[in-house]
Amino acid sequence: MSDQYRLTVWLRSGAGLRISEALGLTSDCQREGFLRLRRQISAKANEGDCVTRFVPLKHRTADEYRNVPTPAILGQEIGNHLKRWGTVEVDGVEALFPPRDKA
């Protein structure tokens, strides 16, 4: 696994995120002691006909969200990731994980 995606393991094990939620993490998700998730990666994100990379969370509308409590160590890991890798603008939001090249 690329070091740039190491944080996804922490997000999945430390907060119980689905892989689509972990890869859809953006800088506006982090709060003190929890993550506020509003979007996830589209299942078609790497297909040529994909219009948008992000979609609403499973079983939710675009206005709904899910709060997920996080341990302090996860907040530290997110901070470490941001220091090392920063963010990349995708679909108007600052994503923590850049999109892969479309196959």
C-alpha atoms as a PDB file:
ATOM      1  CA  MET A   1       0.000   0.000   0.000  1.00  0.00           C
ATOM      2  CA  SER A   2       1.211   3.471  -0.825  1.00  0.00           C
ATOM      3  CA  ASP A   3       2.092   5.568   2.238  1.00  0.00           C
ATOM      4  CA  GLN A   4      -0.358   8.165   1.005  1.00  0.00           C
ATOM      5  CA  TYR A   5      -3.256   5.753   1.638  1.00  0.00           C
ATOM      6  CA  ARG A   6      -2.070   4.539   5.080  1.00  0.00           C
ATOM      7  CA  LEU A   7      -4.630   6.780   6.756  1.00  0.00           C
ATOM      8  CA  THR A   8      -7.465   4.770   5.188  1.00  0.00           C
ATOM      9  CA  VAL A   9      -6.517   1.819   7.408  1.00  0.00           C
ATOM     10  CA  TRP A  10      -6.721   4.051  10.505  1.00  0.00           C
ATOM     11  CA  LEU A  11     -10.085   5.440   9.379  1.00  0.00           C
ATOM     12  CA  ARG A  12     -11.519   2.000   8.802  1.00  0.00           C
ATOM     13  CA  SER A  13     -10.226   0.460  12.029  1.00  0.00           C
ATOM     14  CA  GLY A  14     -10.362   3.500  14.329  1.00  0.00           C
ATOM     15  CA  ALA A  15     -13.721   4.910  13.215  1.00  0.00           C
ATOM     16  CA  GLY A  16     -15.367   2.008  11.395  1.00  0.00           C
ATOM     17  CA  LEU A  17     -15.639   3.859   8.094  1.00  0.00           C
ATOM     18  CA  ARG A  18     -16.557   2.059   4.898  1.00  0.00           C
ATOM     19  CA  ILE A  19     -13.794   2.224   2.284  1.00  0.00           C
ATOM     20  CA  SER A  20     -15.910   4.568   0.141  1.00  0.00           C
ATOM     21  CA  GLU A  21     -16.320   6.893   3.150  1.00  0.00           C
ATOM     22  CA  ALA A  22     -12.608   6.777   4.021  1.00  0.00           C
ATOM     23  CA  LEU A  23     -11.577   7.617   0.454  1.00  0.00           C
ATOM     24  CA  GLY A  24     -14.189  10.381   0.368  1.00  0.00           C
ATOM     25  CA  LEU A  25     -12.812  12.139   3.445  1.00  0.00           C
ATOM     26  CA  THR A  26     -12.436  15.885   2.981  1.00  0.00           C
ATOM     27  CA  SER A  27     -10.897  18.590   5.148  1.00  0.00           C
ATOM     28  CA  ASP A  28     -14.322  19.827   6.296  1.00  0.00           C
ATOM     29  CA  CYS A  29     -15.168  16.458   7.913  1.00  0.00           C
ATOM     30  CA  GLN A  30     -12.931  16.711  10.962  1.00  0.00           C
ATOM     31  CA  ARG A  31     -14.409  18.017  14.203  1.00  0.00           C
ATOM     32  CA  GLU A  32     -13.179  17.838  17.797  1.00  0.00           C
ATOM     33  CA  GLY A  33     -13.653  14.181  18.775  1.00  0.00           C
ATOM     34  CA  PHE A  34     -15.667  13.126  15.725  1.00  0.00           C
ATOM     35  CA  LEU A  35     -15.939  13.143  11.947  1.00  0.00           C
ATOM     36  CA  ARG A  36     -18.978  14.599  10.188  1.00  0.00           C
ATOM     37  CA  LEU A  37     -19.377  12.610   6.993  1.00  0.00           C
ATOM     38  CA  ARG A  38     -21.509  13.975   4.169  1.00  0.00           C
ATOM     39  CA  ARG A  39     -20.149  12.209   1.121  1.00  0.00           C
ATOM     40  CA  GLN A  40     -18.435   9.101  -0.143  1.00  0.00           C
ATOM     41  CA  ILE A  41     -16.605   8.106  -3.304  1.00  0.00           C
ATOM     42  CA  SER A  42     -18.827   7.090  -6.164  1.00  0.00           C
ATOM     43  CA  ALA A  43     -18.572   3.441  -7.207  1.00  0.00           C
ATOM     44  CA  LYS A  44     -17.968   4.824 -10.710  1.00  0.00           C
ATOM     45  CA  ALA A  45     -15.291   7.345  -9.653  1.00  0.00           C
ATOM     46  CA  ASN A  46     -12.632   5.844 -11.901  1.00  0.00           C
ATOM     47  CA  GLU A  47     -14.821   5.124 -14.921  1.00  0.00           C
ATOM     48  CA  GLY A  48     -14.670   7.366 -17.943  1.00  0.00           C
ATOM     49  CA  ASP A  49     -18.349   8.365 -17.814  1.00  0.00           C
ATOM     50  CA  CYS A  50     -18.293   9.429 -14.148  1.00  0.00           C
ATOM     51  CA  VAL A  51     -19.624  12.980 -13.794  1.00  0.00           C
ATOM     52  CA  THR A  52     -18.751  13.480 -10.129  1.00  0.00           C
ATOM     53  CA  ARG A  53     -16.335  11.739  -7.802  1.00  0.00           C
ATOM     54  CA  PHE A  54     -18.445  12.270  -4.671  1.00  0.00           C
ATOM     55  CA  VAL A  55     -21.987  11.121  -3.921  1.00  0.00           C
ATOM     56  CA  PRO A  56     -24.151  11.354  -0.772  1.00  0.00           C
ATOM     57  CA  LEU A  57     -23.632   8.718   1.897  1.00  0.00           C
ATOM     58  CA  LYS A  58     -25.405   5.417   1.482  1.00  0.00           C
ATOM     59  CA  HIS A  59     -29.127   5.726   2.329  1.00  0.00           C
ATOM     60  CA  ARG A  60     -28.854   9.504   2.835  1.00  0.00           C
ATOM     61  CA  THR A  61     -29.668  12.631   0.871  1.00  0.00           C
ATOM     62  CA  ALA A  62     -27.092  15.312   0.047  1.00  0.00           C
ATOM     63  CA  ASP A  63     -28.264  17.362   3.075  1.00  0.00           C
ATOM     64  CA  GLU A  64     -27.891  14.527   5.591  1.00  0.00           C
ATOM     65  CA  TYR A  65     -24.722  13.496   7.406  1.00  0.00           C
ATOM     66  CA  ARG A  66     -23.352  10.911   9.805  1.00  0.00           C
ATOM     67  CA  ASN A  67     -21.322  11.796  12.904  1.00  0.00           C
ATOM     68  CA  VAL A  68     -18.684   9.222  13.801  1.00  0.00           C
ATOM     69  CA  PRO A  69     -16.807   9.454  17.128  1.00  0.00           C
ATOM     70  CA  THR A  70     -13.041   9.211  16.838  1.00  0.00           C
ATOM     71  CA  PRO A  71     -10.301   8.388  19.324  1.00  0.00           C
ATOM     72  CA  ALA A  72      -7.593  11.010  19.881  1.00  0.00           C
ATOM     73  CA  ILE A  73      -4.995   8.897  18.068  1.00  0.00           C
ATOM     74  CA  LEU A  74      -7.084   9.064  14.900  1.00  0.00           C
ATOM     75  CA  GLY A  75      -7.162  12.858  15.072  1.00  0.00           C
ATOM     76  CA  GLN A  76      -3.371  12.776  15.334  1.00  0.00           C
ATOM     77  CA  GLU A  77      -3.093  10.473  12.328  1.00  0.00           C
ATOM     78  CA  ILE A  78      -5.325  12.776  10.272  1.00  0.00           C
ATOM     79  CA  GLY A  79      -3.120  15.713  11.305  1.00  0.00           C
ATOM     80  CA  ASN A  80       0.028  13.789  10.330  1.00  0.00           C
ATOM     81  CA  HIS A  81      -1.500  12.938   6.965  1.00  0.00           C
ATOM     82  CA  LEU A  82      -2.437  16.562   6.294  1.00  0.00           C
ATOM     83  CA  LYS A  83       1.069  17.771   7.230  1.00  0.00           C
ATOM     84  CA  ARG A  84       2.735  15.295   4.916  1.00  0.00           C
ATOM     85  CA  TRP A  85       0.308  15.134   1.991  1.00  0.00           C
ATOM     86  CA  GLY A  86      -1.997  18.149   2.301  1.00  0.00           C
ATOM     87  CA  THR A  87      -5.235  18.162   0.330  1.00  0.00           C
ATOM     88  CA  VAL A  88      -6.225  18.313  -3.321  1.00  0.00           C
ATOM     89  CA  GLU A  89      -9.277  20.129  -4.673  1.00  0.00           C
ATOM     90  CA  VAL A  90     -11.767  17.731  -6.216  1.00  0.00           C
ATOM     91  CA  ASP A  91     -15.328  18.671  -7.174  1.00  0.00           C
ATOM     92  CA  GLY A  92     -15.031  21.892  -5.159  1.00  0.00           C
ATOM     93  CA  VAL A  93     -13.902  20.305  -1.880  1.00  0.00           C
ATOM     94  CA  GLU A  94     -10.479  19.696  -0.326  1.00  0.00           C
ATOM     95  CA  ALA A  95     -10.029  15.909  -0.504  1.00  0.00           C
ATOM     96  CA  LEU A  96      -7.445  14.050   1.553  1.00  0.00           C
ATOM     97  CA  PHE A  97      -6.916  11.427  -1.141  1.00  0.00           C
ATOM     98  CA  PRO A  98      -6.315  12.405  -4.778  1.00  0.00           C
ATOM     99  CA  PRO A  99      -8.296  10.697  -7.508  1.00  0.00           C
ATOM    100  CA  ARG A 100      -6.591   7.891  -9.351  1.00  0.00           C
ATOM    101  CA  ASP A 101      -6.044   8.243 -13.059  1.00  0.00           C
ATOM    102  CA  LYS A 102      -9.032   6.872 -14.953  1.00  0.00           C
ATOM    103  CA  ALA A 103      -8.277   3.536 -16.557  1.00  0.00           C
END
